[in-house]
Amino acid sequence: MGNAWRDRVVMPPGIVSQAVIIAVGSELLTPDRLDTNSLFVTRTLNQLGIQVRYKTIVSDDCDDVCLALRAAIQHAELVVVTGGLGPTDDDITRQAISNVFDLPLEEDSATAVTIRSRFKARGLAMPEINLRQALVPKGAIQIPNTRGTAPGLWIDRPTLKCVVLPGPPRELEPMFERIALDRIASLSNGRCIFRRVIVIAGRTESSVDEIVSPIYSRWRSAPVPIETSILASLGQIELHLSVAGEDEEKATVELDRAIKELLTVLGKDLVSAEGARLEDVVGDLLRSRRCRVTVAESCTGGLITSRLTDVPGSSAYVRAGWVVYSNDAKVDILGVDRELLRKHGAVSEPVARAMAVQARERAKVEYAIGVTGIAGPGGGSSQKPVGTVYVSLAGPEGQLWDCRLNFPGGRERVKHQASQAALDMLRRALLE
């Protein structure tokens, strides 16, 4: 949609500034399904300057949905409900809306005809239960569904608006875009929320907060306030900056100024001011410096190479890669000295360094990464516990960078953090 709302809709001082999202569906409370609709709805609302106070997922139980609706009404001027508009017994959203807003359900004849026509056009007999989708709370406005049989609903109250949409994303997204443009935009305050995501590596969450909090505490009371939140994930920290306003150029200036201020205190720990992945940043640096890289991996099992090659166009700088998991592979394929393995063990700085040096010579590239470690759950010792990882980087003119790390968590977490550390080591070397 881009700036379509601002271009097409005159926005008076708004009555809608905050929203709550309710996702209905017992399947969303299992590990097999994710509520992606809330992300789309949030992004669309933020473009209109509407903050989402909270999101909640509710099972296919009418009482639970009613409880969630009544709570949402107390916290926001706009409630967006997704899911539960199908034809089966567990599709109870219409009934919950009827109960909470005291609107009896009535069959809409035009909607019933539309549903019958859709089945007829496909040469299918319509089960009578599909007519449940023609039930409409009295006084609600229907939102046409061009991609399915369940229309959406718009409930209008002087101090509350409620949007009800079907769960399938291919149906929900165009419907919500349309209702956002036709109705919600004219009710918002005309302000947009402009965001930047700052990616930081090499620091813990508490370390970042200690350094940055004196800065962003001033931003909140500035003439153009900047709101911040901090998010920790495996191997990196994210700072989310946001400015609410009508003037995109002014917001951009303020965000750029804030990022420059962060750069002065974070230095090379700041990976990206645009939320870019580490592998993308490394790829850009390799390409701009006309350098190539190769990787020799043991405990990460090819993960580093995989991340590098996830970037389109990475064939310009990824030369080759080796997964040398066993000691024999390290010796026979890379040419690591067997005496090093005997003396120091496979998980050691000398072996990681030898892997990097040998890989660089074989691939004839500027940079080579060597990684070896203990991903677990077994194999650790008191000297080298599970999570111990050695990363080495061999660069042009004989430069070498080494580090020993110890990562918490299970096997996948150790592997991911090791790959993150290796890519960050390469990033920092490229910046020197």
Protein backbone atom coordinates (compact mmCIF):
# COMPACT_ATOMS: atom_id res chain seq x y z
CA MET A 1 0.00 0.00 0.00
CA GLY A 2 2.94 2.35 0.58
CA ASN A 3 1.59 5.88 1.15
CA ALA A 4 -1.82 5.15 -0.41
CA TRP A 5 -3.76 6.16 2.70
CA ARG A 6 -1.98 9.48 3.09
CA ASP A 7 -2.41 10.18 -0.62
CA ARG A 8 -6.10 9.33 -0.84
CA VAL A 9 -7.62 10.01 2.58
CA VAL A 10 -8.06 13.29 4.41
CA MET A 11 -7.25 12.48 8.04
CA PRO A 12 -8.87 14.70 10.67
CA PRO A 13 -7.72 14.59 14.30
CA GLY A 14 -8.23 10.95 15.16
CA ILE A 15 -10.17 9.00 17.69
CA VAL A 16 -8.23 5.77 17.16
CA SER A 17 -4.67 5.69 18.50
CA GLN A 18 -4.41 2.24 20.12
CA ALA A 19 -5.49 -1.24 19.10
CA VAL A 20 -5.69 -4.77 20.46
CA ILE A 21 -5.43 -7.87 18.25
CA ILE A 22 -7.23 -11.12 19.13
CA ALA A 23 -6.30 -14.22 17.13
CA VAL A 24 -8.90 -16.99 17.45
CA GLY A 25 -7.92 -20.60 16.84
CA SER A 26 -6.95 -23.54 19.02
CA GLU A 27 -4.37 -24.57 16.40
CA LEU A 28 -2.45 -21.36 17.13
CA LEU A 29 -1.90 -22.62 20.69
CA THR A 30 0.07 -25.62 19.43
CA PRO A 31 3.74 -25.67 18.33
CA ASP A 32 2.67 -26.46 14.76
CA ARG A 33 1.07 -23.15 13.75
CA LEU A 34 2.18 -19.52 14.06
CA ASP A 35 0.01 -16.43 14.22
CA THR A 36 1.47 -14.53 11.26
CA ASN A 37 -1.68 -12.46 10.73
CA SER A 38 -0.92 -10.32 13.77
CA LEU A 39 2.39 -9.25 12.22
CA PHE A 40 0.63 -8.07 9.07
CA VAL A 41 -2.11 -6.29 11.00
CA THR A 42 0.43 -4.60 13.30
CA ARG A 43 2.53 -3.38 10.39
CA THR A 44 -0.56 -1.99 8.63
CA LEU A 45 -1.81 -0.22 11.77
CA ASN A 46 1.64 1.22 12.51
CA GLN A 47 1.65 2.79 9.06
CA LEU A 48 -1.39 4.73 10.24
CA GLY A 49 0.22 5.76 13.50
CA ILE A 50 -1.84 3.31 15.56
CA GLN A 51 0.02 1.46 18.31
CA VAL A 52 -0.87 -2.13 19.17
CA ARG A 53 -1.16 -2.36 22.95
CA TYR A 54 -1.15 -6.14 23.02
CA LYS A 55 -2.00 -9.28 21.08
CA THR A 56 -3.66 -12.38 22.44
CA ILE A 57 -4.39 -15.88 21.11
CA VAL A 58 -7.63 -17.56 22.20
CA SER A 59 -8.90 -21.10 21.72
CA ASP A 60 -12.05 -21.99 19.79
CA ASP A 61 -14.19 -21.52 22.87
CA CYS A 62 -16.97 -18.93 22.84
CA ASP A 63 -16.57 -18.01 26.52
CA ASP A 64 -12.81 -17.51 26.08
CA VAL A 65 -13.31 -15.28 23.05
CA CYS A 66 -15.96 -13.24 24.89
CA LEU A 67 -13.58 -12.79 27.82
CA ALA A 68 -10.79 -11.62 25.49
CA LEU A 69 -13.13 -9.21 23.71
CA ARG A 70 -14.40 -7.65 26.92
CA ALA A 71 -10.83 -7.11 28.13
CA ALA A 72 -9.75 -5.61 24.79
CA ILE A 73 -12.62 -3.13 24.79
CA GLN A 74 -11.28 -1.69 28.05
CA HIS A 75 -7.80 -1.05 26.61
CA ALA A 76 -8.15 0.30 23.06
CA GLU A 77 -10.37 2.16 20.63
CA LEU A 78 -9.86 -0.49 17.92
CA VAL A 79 -10.12 -4.27 18.28
CA VAL A 80 -9.05 -6.53 15.42
CA VAL A 81 -10.25 -10.14 15.62
CA THR A 82 -8.89 -12.77 13.23
CA GLY A 83 -10.14 -16.30 12.64
CA GLY A 84 -13.16 -18.34 13.67
CA LEU A 85 -15.43 -17.29 10.79
CA GLY A 86 -15.62 -20.66 9.06
CA PRO A 87 -18.70 -22.90 8.74
CA THR A 88 -17.93 -25.57 11.37
CA ASP A 89 -18.99 -25.94 15.00
CA ASP A 90 -15.67 -24.63 16.31
CA ASP A 91 -15.99 -21.36 14.35
CA ILE A 92 -17.52 -19.34 17.16
CA THR A 93 -16.29 -15.78 16.56
CA ARG A 94 -19.64 -14.53 15.20
CA GLN A 95 -21.45 -15.83 18.26
CA ALA A 96 -18.90 -14.22 20.57
CA ILE A 97 -19.32 -10.87 18.79
CA SER A 98 -23.09 -11.25 19.08
CA ASN A 99 -22.83 -11.95 22.80
CA VAL A 100 -20.43 -9.16 23.70
CA PHE A 101 -22.05 -6.42 21.61
CA ASP A 102 -25.60 -7.66 22.25
CA LEU A 103 -26.34 -7.99 18.54
CA PRO A 104 -28.58 -10.92 17.51
CA LEU A 105 -27.37 -12.99 14.56
CA GLU A 106 -29.44 -12.76 11.40
CA GLU A 107 -28.97 -14.48 8.06
CA ASP A 108 -28.09 -12.04 5.31
CA SER A 109 -29.85 -13.20 2.15
CA ALA A 110 -27.41 -11.53 -0.24
CA THR A 111 -24.46 -13.20 1.46
CA ALA A 112 -26.26 -16.57 1.33
CA VAL A 113 -26.76 -16.15 -2.42
CA THR A 114 -23.09 -15.25 -2.89
CA ILE A 115 -21.97 -18.34 -0.99
CA ARG A 116 -24.26 -20.61 -3.03
CA SER A 117 -23.02 -19.01 -6.26
CA ARG A 118 -19.38 -19.64 -5.35
CA PHE A 119 -20.01 -23.36 -4.85
CA LYS A 120 -22.09 -23.57 -8.03
CA ALA A 121 -19.38 -21.86 -10.07
CA ARG A 122 -16.93 -24.53 -8.93
CA GLY A 123 -19.36 -27.34 -9.71
CA LEU A 124 -19.69 -28.31 -6.06
CA ALA A 125 -22.72 -29.06 -3.90
CA MET A 126 -22.84 -26.63 -0.98
CA PRO A 127 -23.09 -28.19 2.48
CA GLU A 128 -25.84 -26.41 4.40
CA ILE A 129 -23.46 -25.64 7.27
CA ASN A 130 -21.79 -23.06 4.99
CA LEU A 131 -24.81 -20.83 5.49
CA ARG A 132 -23.46 -20.14 8.99
CA GLN A 133 -21.09 -17.78 7.19
CA ALA A 134 -24.10 -15.71 6.14
CA LEU A 135 -25.04 -15.01 9.76
CA VAL A 136 -24.38 -11.36 10.58
CA PRO A 137 -24.72 -9.55 13.93
CA LYS A 138 -27.58 -7.09 13.49
CA GLY A 139 -26.26 -3.67 12.50
CA ALA A 140 -22.74 -4.87 11.63
CA ILE A 141 -21.31 -3.86 8.27
CA GLN A 142 -19.99 -6.73 6.15
CA ILE A 143 -16.55 -6.61 4.56
CA PRO A 144 -16.57 -8.41 1.18
CA ASN A 145 -14.23 -11.38 0.84
CA THR A 146 -13.14 -11.79 -2.79
CA ARG A 147 -10.99 -14.83 -2.02
CA GLY A 148 -13.27 -16.89 0.20
CA THR A 149 -16.81 -17.44 1.43
CA ALA A 150 -16.60 -15.81 4.87
CA PRO A 151 -17.22 -12.04 4.83
CA GLY A 152 -15.58 -9.89 7.47
CA LEU A 153 -17.41 -7.61 9.91
CA TRP A 154 -17.12 -3.98 10.99
CA ILE A 155 -18.74 -3.01 14.30
CA ASP A 156 -19.06 0.74 14.81
CA ARG A 157 -19.50 2.35 18.21
CA PRO A 158 -18.88 6.00 19.16
CA THR A 159 -15.79 5.13 21.22
CA LEU A 160 -14.92 1.72 19.77
CA LYS A 161 -14.40 0.11 16.40
CA CYS A 162 -14.12 -3.65 15.92
CA VAL A 163 -12.89 -5.44 12.78
CA VAL A 164 -13.50 -9.18 12.40
CA LEU A 165 -11.62 -11.03 9.65
CA PRO A 166 -11.22 -14.64 8.45
CA GLY A 167 -8.04 -16.47 9.41
CA PRO A 168 -6.47 -17.52 6.06
CA PRO A 169 -3.82 -14.86 5.24
CA ARG A 170 -4.66 -14.80 1.52
CA GLU A 171 -8.20 -13.73 2.48
CA LEU A 172 -7.37 -11.54 5.46
CA GLU A 173 -4.64 -9.36 3.93
CA PRO A 174 -6.56 -7.74 1.04
CA MET A 175 -9.63 -7.37 3.26
CA PHE A 176 -7.73 -5.59 6.00
CA GLU A 177 -5.89 -3.36 3.54
CA ARG A 178 -9.25 -2.30 2.15
CA ILE A 179 -10.88 -1.64 5.53
CA ALA A 180 -7.74 0.18 6.71
CA LEU A 181 -7.88 2.45 3.68
CA ASP A 182 -11.65 2.96 3.63
CA ARG A 183 -12.40 3.31 7.33
CA ILE A 184 -9.50 3.15 9.80
CA ALA A 185 -7.31 5.75 8.08
CA SER A 186 -9.96 8.44 8.48
CA LEU A 187 -10.17 7.65 12.21
CA SER A 188 -6.45 7.74 12.98
CA ASN A 189 -4.57 10.85 13.99
CA GLY A 190 -2.80 11.16 10.66
CA ARG A 191 0.55 10.22 12.18
CA CYS A 192 2.76 7.37 11.01
CA ILE A 193 5.30 5.40 13.01
CA PHE A 194 8.78 5.41 11.49
CA ARG A 195 11.16 2.71 12.70
CA ARG A 196 14.79 1.69 12.60
CA VAL A 197 16.26 -1.58 13.85
CA ILE A 198 19.85 -1.41 15.12
CA VAL A 199 21.72 -4.73 15.14
CA ILE A 200 24.57 -5.08 17.64
CA ALA A 201 27.06 -7.93 18.06
CA GLY A 202 29.75 -8.70 20.60
CA ARG A 203 27.86 -7.40 23.63
CA THR A 204 25.31 -8.76 26.09
CA GLU A 205 21.89 -7.20 26.52
CA SER A 206 22.82 -5.70 29.90
CA SER A 207 26.06 -4.28 28.49
CA VAL A 208 24.21 -2.59 25.63
CA ASP A 209 21.56 -1.21 27.97
CA GLU A 210 24.18 0.16 30.37
CA ILE A 211 25.92 2.06 27.58
CA VAL A 212 22.87 3.23 25.68
CA SER A 213 20.24 3.93 28.36
CA PRO A 214 21.67 7.38 29.31
CA ILE A 215 21.30 8.34 25.64
CA TYR A 216 17.82 7.09 24.93
CA SER A 217 16.47 8.38 28.23
CA ARG A 218 17.13 11.87 26.80
CA TRP A 219 15.41 10.97 23.53
CA ARG A 220 12.07 10.36 25.24
CA SER A 221 11.86 13.99 26.42
CA ALA A 222 13.21 15.52 23.20
CA PRO A 223 11.00 17.82 21.04
CA VAL A 224 10.63 14.84 18.67
CA PRO A 225 10.55 11.88 21.09
CA ILE A 226 12.22 8.63 20.10
CA GLU A 227 10.86 5.48 21.74
CA THR A 228 13.23 2.55 22.20
CA SER A 229 13.06 -1.13 23.02
CA ILE A 230 15.82 -3.70 23.35
CA LEU A 231 15.61 -7.31 22.17
CA ALA A 232 18.15 -10.06 22.80
CA SER A 233 18.52 -13.00 20.43
CA LEU A 234 21.20 -15.62 19.83
CA GLY A 235 24.51 -13.88 19.25
CA GLN A 236 23.13 -10.37 18.78
CA ILE A 237 21.13 -7.56 20.34
CA GLU A 238 18.56 -5.40 18.58
CA LEU A 239 17.59 -1.85 19.46
CA HIS A 240 14.26 -0.77 17.98
CA LEU A 241 13.88 2.99 17.54
CA SER A 242 10.56 4.58 16.59
CA VAL A 243 9.30 8.10 15.94
CA ALA A 244 5.62 8.96 15.59
CA GLY A 245 4.80 11.91 13.36
CA GLU A 246 3.28 13.22 10.16
CA ASP A 247 6.53 14.38 8.54
CA GLU A 248 8.62 11.46 7.25
CA GLU A 249 11.56 13.71 6.38
CA LYS A 250 11.70 15.16 9.88
CA ALA A 251 11.41 11.70 11.45
CA THR A 252 14.22 10.42 9.21
CA VAL A 253 16.48 13.28 10.28
CA GLU A 254 15.86 12.51 13.95
CA LEU A 255 16.45 8.78 13.51
CA ASP A 256 19.66 9.41 11.54
CA ARG A 257 20.87 11.72 14.30
CA ALA A 258 20.10 9.08 16.93
CA ILE A 259 21.98 6.40 15.01
CA LYS A 260 25.06 8.64 14.72
CA GLU A 261 24.95 9.11 18.47
CA LEU A 262 24.73 5.35 19.00
CA LEU A 263 27.66 4.81 16.66
CA THR A 264 29.87 6.99 18.84
CA VAL A 265 29.37 4.71 21.85
CA LEU A 266 28.97 1.33 20.13
CA GLY A 267 31.68 1.62 17.47
CA LYS A 268 32.28 -1.61 15.57
CA ASP A 269 29.75 -3.42 17.75
CA LEU A 270 27.04 -1.75 15.64
CA VAL A 271 26.45 -4.22 12.82
CA SER A 272 23.61 -2.51 10.96
CA ALA A 273 21.40 0.55 11.35
CA GLU A 274 18.80 -0.93 8.99
CA GLY A 275 18.08 -4.27 10.66
CA ALA A 276 20.20 -6.20 8.14
CA ARG A 277 21.30 -9.76 8.87
CA LEU A 278 24.93 -10.32 9.77
CA GLU A 279 25.49 -12.45 6.66
CA ASP A 280 24.15 -9.63 4.47
CA VAL A 281 26.45 -7.09 6.10
CA VAL A 282 29.45 -9.41 5.69
CA GLY A 283 28.51 -10.05 2.08
CA ASP A 284 28.35 -6.31 1.33
CA LEU A 285 31.76 -5.78 2.93
CA LEU A 286 33.35 -8.65 0.99
CA ARG A 287 31.86 -7.41 -2.26
CA SER A 288 32.86 -3.77 -1.73
CA ARG A 289 36.44 -4.77 -0.84
CA ARG A 290 36.62 -7.31 -3.66
CA CYS A 291 37.57 -10.07 -1.24
CA ARG A 292 36.61 -13.73 -1.18
CA VAL A 293 36.15 -16.15 1.71
CA THR A 294 36.24 -19.84 2.39
CA VAL A 295 35.19 -21.79 5.49
CA ALA A 296 36.50 -24.93 7.17
CA GLU A 297 33.90 -26.17 9.66
CA SER A 298 33.79 -28.91 12.23
CA CYS A 299 31.17 -28.40 14.96
CA THR A 300 29.01 -26.04 12.86
CA GLY A 301 28.63 -28.70 10.16
CA GLY A 302 28.36 -26.27 7.22
CA LEU A 303 26.10 -23.71 8.91
CA ILE A 304 28.47 -20.79 8.33
CA THR A 305 28.78 -21.56 4.63
CA SER A 306 25.02 -22.00 4.43
CA ARG A 307 24.41 -18.57 5.98
CA LEU A 308 26.91 -16.92 3.66
CA THR A 309 25.30 -18.50 0.63
CA ASP A 310 21.78 -17.55 1.77
CA VAL A 311 22.62 -14.11 0.38
CA PRO A 312 21.76 -13.66 -3.32
CA GLY A 313 24.87 -13.08 -5.39
CA SER A 314 27.18 -14.67 -2.81
CA SER A 315 28.96 -16.63 -5.55
CA ALA A 316 30.91 -13.40 -6.11
CA TYR A 317 32.75 -13.85 -2.81
CA VAL A 318 32.20 -17.40 -1.47
CA ARG A 319 34.93 -19.53 -3.05
CA ALA A 320 34.53 -22.93 -1.36
CA GLY A 321 33.81 -24.65 1.90
CA TRP A 322 34.75 -27.79 3.78
CA VAL A 323 32.97 -29.73 6.52
CA VAL A 324 35.77 -31.69 8.18
CA TYR A 325 34.05 -33.33 11.08
CA SER A 326 36.44 -36.16 11.92
CA ASN A 327 40.14 -35.92 12.74
CA ASP A 328 40.99 -37.95 9.64
CA ALA A 329 39.06 -35.49 7.46
CA LYS A 330 40.97 -32.59 8.98
CA VAL A 331 44.23 -34.33 8.12
CA ASP A 332 43.39 -35.94 4.76
CA ILE A 333 41.25 -33.18 3.23
CA LEU A 334 42.71 -29.98 4.72
CA GLY A 335 46.21 -31.14 5.56
CA VAL A 336 46.07 -30.32 9.27
CA ASP A 337 49.16 -31.71 11.00
CA ARG A 338 48.16 -34.89 12.86
CA GLU A 339 50.64 -33.99 15.59
CA LEU A 340 48.61 -30.87 16.36
CA LEU A 341 45.52 -33.02 16.86
CA ARG A 342 47.41 -35.47 19.07
CA LYS A 343 49.03 -32.76 21.18
CA HIS A 344 46.17 -30.24 21.54
CA GLY A 345 43.02 -32.15 20.61
CA ALA A 346 40.60 -31.41 17.80
CA VAL A 347 38.90 -28.69 19.85
CA SER A 348 41.76 -26.25 20.31
CA GLU A 349 43.11 -22.95 19.06
CA PRO A 350 46.05 -24.49 17.15
CA VAL A 351 43.70 -26.80 15.23
CA ALA A 352 41.18 -24.03 14.45
CA ARG A 353 44.05 -21.86 13.25
CA ALA A 354 45.50 -24.65 11.12
CA MET A 355 42.07 -25.27 9.57
CA ALA A 356 41.78 -21.61 8.61
CA VAL A 357 45.33 -21.35 7.24
CA GLN A 358 45.10 -24.57 5.24
CA ALA A 359 41.65 -23.67 3.85
CA ARG A 360 42.89 -20.25 2.74
CA GLU A 361 45.86 -21.75 0.92
CA ARG A 362 43.72 -24.37 -0.84
CA ALA A 363 40.96 -21.98 -1.88
CA LYS A 364 43.37 -19.17 -2.82
CA VAL A 365 41.22 -16.48 -1.23
CA GLU A 366 41.79 -13.46 1.00
CA TYR A 367 39.99 -14.79 4.09
CA ALA A 368 39.32 -18.20 5.60
CA ILE A 369 37.39 -19.17 8.73
CA GLY A 370 38.21 -22.23 10.82
CA VAL A 371 35.78 -23.42 13.50
CA THR A 372 35.97 -26.38 15.85
CA GLY A 373 34.11 -27.04 19.08
CA ILE A 374 31.89 -29.21 21.26
CA ALA A 375 28.22 -28.71 20.43
CA GLY A 376 27.04 -31.38 22.87
CA PRO A 377 25.22 -32.86 24.55
CA GLY A 378 28.22 -35.14 25.19
CA GLY A 379 31.95 -34.84 24.60
CA GLY A 380 32.76 -32.13 27.14
CA SER A 381 35.29 -32.14 29.97
CA SER A 382 36.22 -29.90 32.89
CA GLN A 383 38.85 -28.18 30.73
CA LYS A 384 36.64 -28.00 27.65
CA PRO A 385 32.97 -28.14 28.65
CA VAL A 386 30.10 -28.50 26.20
CA GLY A 387 29.72 -25.23 24.35
CA THR A 388 33.46 -24.62 23.99
CA VAL A 389 34.21 -23.30 20.50
CA TYR A 390 37.42 -22.04 18.89
CA VAL A 391 37.15 -19.67 15.94
CA SER A 392 40.11 -18.60 13.81
CA LEU A 393 40.33 -16.29 10.85
CA ALA A 394 43.22 -16.21 8.40
CA GLY A 395 43.55 -13.03 6.38
CA PRO A 396 45.76 -11.45 3.75
CA GLU A 397 49.47 -10.96 4.49
CA GLY A 398 49.42 -13.58 7.22
CA GLN A 399 47.00 -11.88 9.63
CA LEU A 400 45.40 -14.21 12.14
CA TRP A 401 42.51 -13.66 14.55
CA ASP A 402 41.60 -16.25 17.20
CA CYS A 403 39.11 -16.55 20.03
CA ARG A 404 37.85 -19.15 22.47
CA LEU A 405 34.17 -18.96 23.34
CA ASN A 406 31.80 -20.89 25.56
CA PHE A 407 28.14 -20.87 24.63
CA PRO A 408 25.17 -21.97 26.74
CA GLY A 409 22.27 -24.03 25.47
CA GLY A 410 21.70 -27.14 23.43
CA ARG A 411 23.32 -28.31 20.24
CA GLU A 412 21.46 -26.03 17.82
CA ARG A 413 22.02 -22.96 19.99
CA VAL A 414 25.75 -23.63 20.25
CA LYS A 415 26.04 -24.11 16.49
CA HIS A 416 24.14 -20.92 15.72
CA GLN A 417 26.11 -18.82 18.20
CA ALA A 418 29.36 -20.23 16.83
CA SER A 419 28.34 -19.27 13.30
CA GLN A 420 27.38 -15.81 14.55
CA ALA A 421 30.75 -15.34 16.24
CA ALA A 422 32.62 -16.49 13.14
CA LEU A 423 30.76 -14.13 10.81
CA ASP A 424 31.21 -11.26 13.26
CA MET A 425 34.94 -11.92 13.46
CA LEU A 426 35.12 -11.69 9.66
CA ARG A 427 33.03 -8.48 9.70
CA ARG A 428 35.36 -6.80 12.17
CA ALA A 429 38.45 -7.86 10.21
CA LEU A 430 36.96 -6.40 7.02
CA LEU A 431 36.34 -3.09 8.81
CA GLU A 432 39.98 -2.74 9.89
